[in-house]
Structure formats: C-alpha cells, structure tokens
Amino acid sequence: MGLEAKLKTDGFIVTQLDAIIAWSRKNSVWPMPMGISCCAIEMMAVGDPKYDIARFGSEVMRFTPRQCDLMIVAGTVTYKMSHVVRKIYDQMPDPKWVIAMGACTSTGGMYRSYSVVQGIDQFLPVDVYVAGCPPRPDNLLNALITIQEKIGNTRARDFQDIKIPDLKVIQPN
C-alpha cells in the first residue's frame, strides 16, 4: 500500500519530528567531490545510468563547499594538497561527513614517499573508508548507504550545539 492510498483512507500520518528530519536529511546528501587522481574516474561513474547515484538523493554534486555535507576524497593526497582539502572541509557547514575513497586516500597506497599523506585520517575525521585500487563505483554507493544510515540514526537535537558564525556587516566610510 502506497502513501497516497494510506492518505485517502486515513487522511493523516502520525510520526515523530525527529524521524521526518532524519529521513529528509539522509535522503538529500549533497557530496563535495574531491577527485584528486585516478579514483575520481570511478567516482564519476556513479552518476551514469548503471549505478545511478540519483536513486539515493545524492546526484547534486556541488563544487562549492558551503552547499555540501559529504566530502568524497578520491585519490592520492600530497602534503601540499592536504592544506587545500582541509580548508575546503572547514568551509563545509556542520554536520558534515567524509568518505575516503581508495587505497591511496586511506593509507597512501603504493606511494610510500615523503610527499604523500599516508591516510587522510591524519588531518580529517573520516567516517567511511572505501577499499580498492581503484574502488568500484558500487563500493562508493555502499559507503553512501552507510553514511545515510549514520545520518538516519542521529537526532535533530544532537546538532543544537552547532554554532552558526556571526555575520559581520561592513559599514561604508
């Protein structure tokens, strides 16, 4: 029985406000794609009809961090690039989540050199690790489902302590 049929017979739905907020938040995750190297090709593949990330409400990949709540870091992160990744992460509004996609992102992969970060968890709080070199697009979808479950288990009141930055008004001289 669908929602429309239930509304025709009963006329109303009873639920908790936390449940509605959690349902809407988990089904509208907007990713910030950080495609740094070869894993980015697999990340792009989740948008094609075979994998269709739109089924999960995440087809809106924004390239501005102020509109995203999920960062997908895909590829080898160097120390020089880590400052940029962290700056973009800091510009994202709270609450926010991170997926480390691929072996290079999670552990440095085969690059054991002085210039490659041996895991982005050294400077970012990672929620889900996606294994593989490169990981398959369906592994990324599995990570997205895991993030959605994590979001669905949070309550709206858990985020009441989040501080919204004060707006500064610049007066003309």
Protein backbone atom coordinates (compact mmCIF):
# COMPACT_ATOMS: atom_id res chain seq x y z
CA MET A 1 0.00 0.00 0.00
CA GLY A 2 1.45 3.31 -1.07
CA LEU A 3 1.44 6.60 0.77
CA GLU A 4 -1.28 8.06 -1.45
CA ALA A 5 -3.63 5.16 -0.73
CA LYS A 6 -2.98 5.40 3.00
CA LEU A 7 -3.72 9.13 2.98
CA LYS A 8 -7.03 8.52 1.11
CA THR A 9 -8.25 6.07 3.73
CA ASP A 10 -6.90 7.60 6.95
CA GLY A 11 -6.29 11.19 5.95
CA PHE A 12 -3.28 11.79 8.20
CA ILE A 13 0.10 10.39 9.20
CA VAL A 14 1.44 10.23 12.74
CA THR A 15 5.21 10.27 13.25
CA GLN A 16 7.94 11.95 15.25
CA LEU A 17 9.54 15.18 14.11
CA ASP A 18 13.00 13.61 14.57
CA ALA A 19 12.01 10.82 12.17
CA ILE A 20 10.92 13.25 9.44
CA ILE A 21 14.06 15.37 9.83
CA ALA A 22 16.33 12.30 9.80
CA TRP A 23 14.55 10.88 6.75
CA SER A 24 14.83 14.12 4.79
CA ARG A 25 18.48 14.69 5.77
CA LYS A 26 19.61 11.18 4.90
CA ASN A 27 17.87 11.24 1.52
CA SER A 28 19.34 14.57 0.44
CA VAL A 29 23.08 14.22 0.98
CA TRP A 30 25.00 16.61 -1.27
CA PRO A 31 28.55 15.42 -1.95
CA MET A 32 31.59 17.62 -2.40
CA PRO A 33 33.71 15.67 -4.90
CA MET A 34 37.45 15.91 -4.25
CA GLY A 35 38.66 13.94 -7.27
CA ILE A 36 42.40 14.22 -6.91
CA SER A 37 43.63 11.31 -9.05
CA CYS A 38 42.54 8.05 -10.69
CA CYS A 39 39.81 7.20 -8.16
CA ALA A 40 37.94 10.24 -9.45
CA ILE A 41 37.06 8.34 -12.64
CA GLU A 42 35.28 5.71 -10.56
CA MET A 43 33.60 8.44 -8.53
CA MET A 44 32.30 9.98 -11.75
CA ALA A 45 30.97 6.60 -12.83
CA VAL A 46 28.40 6.55 -10.00
CA GLY A 47 26.44 9.19 -11.91
CA ASP A 48 25.90 7.05 -15.02
CA PRO A 49 22.68 5.04 -15.51
CA LYS A 50 24.27 1.74 -14.48
CA TYR A 51 24.96 2.86 -10.90
CA ASP A 52 22.70 5.96 -10.72
CA ILE A 53 23.58 7.80 -7.53
CA ALA A 54 20.34 9.76 -8.04
CA ARG A 55 18.46 6.81 -6.51
CA PHE A 56 19.98 7.81 -3.18
CA GLY A 57 19.30 11.54 -3.44
CA SER A 58 22.95 12.47 -3.97
CA GLU A 59 23.09 13.36 -7.64
CA VAL A 60 23.62 17.02 -6.80
CA MET A 61 27.41 17.19 -6.64
CA ARG A 62 28.18 20.75 -5.71
CA PHE A 63 31.56 22.28 -6.31
CA THR A 64 31.12 24.82 -3.58
CA PRO A 65 31.76 23.57 -0.05
CA ARG A 66 29.14 25.83 1.51
CA GLN A 67 26.35 23.74 -0.01
CA CYS A 68 27.75 20.27 0.75
CA ASP A 69 27.52 17.97 3.72
CA LEU A 70 29.55 15.00 2.45
CA MET A 71 33.13 15.18 1.21
CA ILE A 72 34.30 12.33 -1.01
CA VAL A 73 38.10 12.38 -1.16
CA ALA A 74 39.11 10.19 -4.10
CA GLY A 75 42.79 9.78 -4.86
CA THR A 76 46.32 10.37 -3.70
CA VAL A 77 46.62 13.31 -1.32
CA THR A 78 50.00 15.02 -1.07
CA TYR A 79 51.02 17.18 1.86
CA LYS A 80 50.78 20.24 -0.36
CA MET A 81 47.21 19.32 -1.36
CA SER A 82 46.20 18.36 2.19
CA HIS A 83 46.00 22.01 3.21
CA VAL A 84 43.53 22.67 0.39
CA VAL A 85 41.43 19.62 1.29
CA ARG A 86 41.32 20.68 4.94
CA LYS A 87 40.39 24.26 4.01
CA ILE A 88 37.50 23.04 1.88
CA TYR A 89 36.40 20.71 4.69
CA ASP A 90 36.45 23.61 7.15
CA GLN A 91 34.22 25.67 4.82
CA MET A 92 31.52 22.98 4.80
CA PRO A 93 28.60 23.58 7.18
CA ASP A 94 28.04 21.28 10.15
CA PRO A 95 27.08 18.46 10.35
CA LYS A 96 29.42 17.03 7.73
CA TRP A 97 30.79 13.62 6.80
CA VAL A 98 33.84 12.29 4.94
CA ILE A 99 34.36 9.26 2.69
CA ALA A 100 37.96 8.21 1.99
CA MET A 101 37.78 6.52 -1.40
CA GLY A 102 40.60 4.23 -2.44
CA ALA A 103 43.80 2.80 -1.04
CA CYS A 104 45.83 5.94 -1.68
CA THR A 105 43.39 8.12 0.22
CA SER A 106 43.07 5.70 3.12
CA THR A 107 46.72 4.62 3.57
CA GLY A 108 48.88 6.29 0.97
CA GLY A 109 48.61 3.21 -1.25
CA MET A 110 51.71 2.25 -3.15
CA TYR A 111 53.20 5.72 -2.73
CA ARG A 112 55.50 5.45 0.31
CA SER A 113 57.22 8.75 -0.27
CA TYR A 114 57.82 11.88 1.75
CA SER A 115 55.31 13.90 -0.27
CA VAL A 116 52.25 11.61 0.06
CA VAL A 117 50.00 11.65 3.11
CA GLN A 118 49.72 8.11 4.47
CA GLY A 119 45.99 8.36 5.11
CA ILE A 120 43.76 11.42 5.24
CA ASP A 121 42.66 10.50 8.74
CA GLN A 122 45.80 12.34 9.83
CA PHE A 123 44.07 15.66 9.15
CA LEU A 124 40.36 14.85 8.57
CA PRO A 125 37.84 12.84 10.59
CA VAL A 126 36.91 10.00 8.22
CA ASP A 127 33.53 8.32 8.59
CA VAL A 128 33.74 5.59 5.94
CA TYR A 129 36.70 4.02 4.13
CA VAL A 130 36.19 2.56 0.65
CA ALA A 131 38.70 -0.16 -0.20
CA GLY A 132 40.18 -0.84 -3.60
CA CYS A 133 42.64 0.46 -6.13
CA PRO A 134 40.62 1.90 -7.72
CA PRO A 135 37.42 1.05 -5.87
CA ARG A 136 34.40 0.08 -7.90
CA PRO A 137 31.51 2.55 -8.14
CA ASP A 138 29.22 0.14 -6.30
CA ASN A 139 31.64 0.25 -3.35
CA LEU A 140 31.15 4.02 -3.25
CA LEU A 141 27.39 3.52 -3.30
CA ASN A 142 27.75 1.12 -0.39
CA ALA A 143 29.70 3.80 1.50
CA LEU A 144 26.97 6.33 0.72
CA ILE A 145 24.35 3.95 2.12
CA THR A 146 26.48 3.57 5.27
CA ILE A 147 26.65 7.37 5.62
CA GLN A 148 22.88 7.59 5.12
CA GLU A 149 22.33 5.04 7.89
CA LYS A 150 24.62 7.06 10.14
CA ILE A 151 22.70 10.24 9.35
CA GLY A 152 19.38 8.47 9.89
CA ASN A 153 20.47 7.39 13.38
CA THR A 154 21.18 10.96 14.50
CA ARG A 155 18.58 13.22 16.04
CA ALA A 156 17.96 16.85 15.23
CA ARG A 157 18.56 17.84 18.85
CA ASP A 158 22.09 16.38 18.64
CA PHE A 159 23.04 19.32 16.45
CA GLN A 160 21.62 22.15 18.56
CA ASP A 161 25.10 22.94 19.89
CA ILE A 162 26.39 23.81 16.43
CA LYS A 163 27.48 27.41 16.35
CA ILE A 164 26.44 29.50 13.40
CA PRO A 165 29.08 32.13 12.65
CA ASP A 166 28.05 35.72 13.20
CA LEU A 167 27.63 37.82 10.10
CA LYS A 168 29.81 40.88 10.00
CA VAL A 169 28.30 43.94 8.45
CA ILE A 170 30.79 46.24 6.81
CA GLN A 171 29.68 49.85 7.04
CA PRO A 172 30.73 52.26 4.32
CA ASN A 173 33.06 55.09 5.42
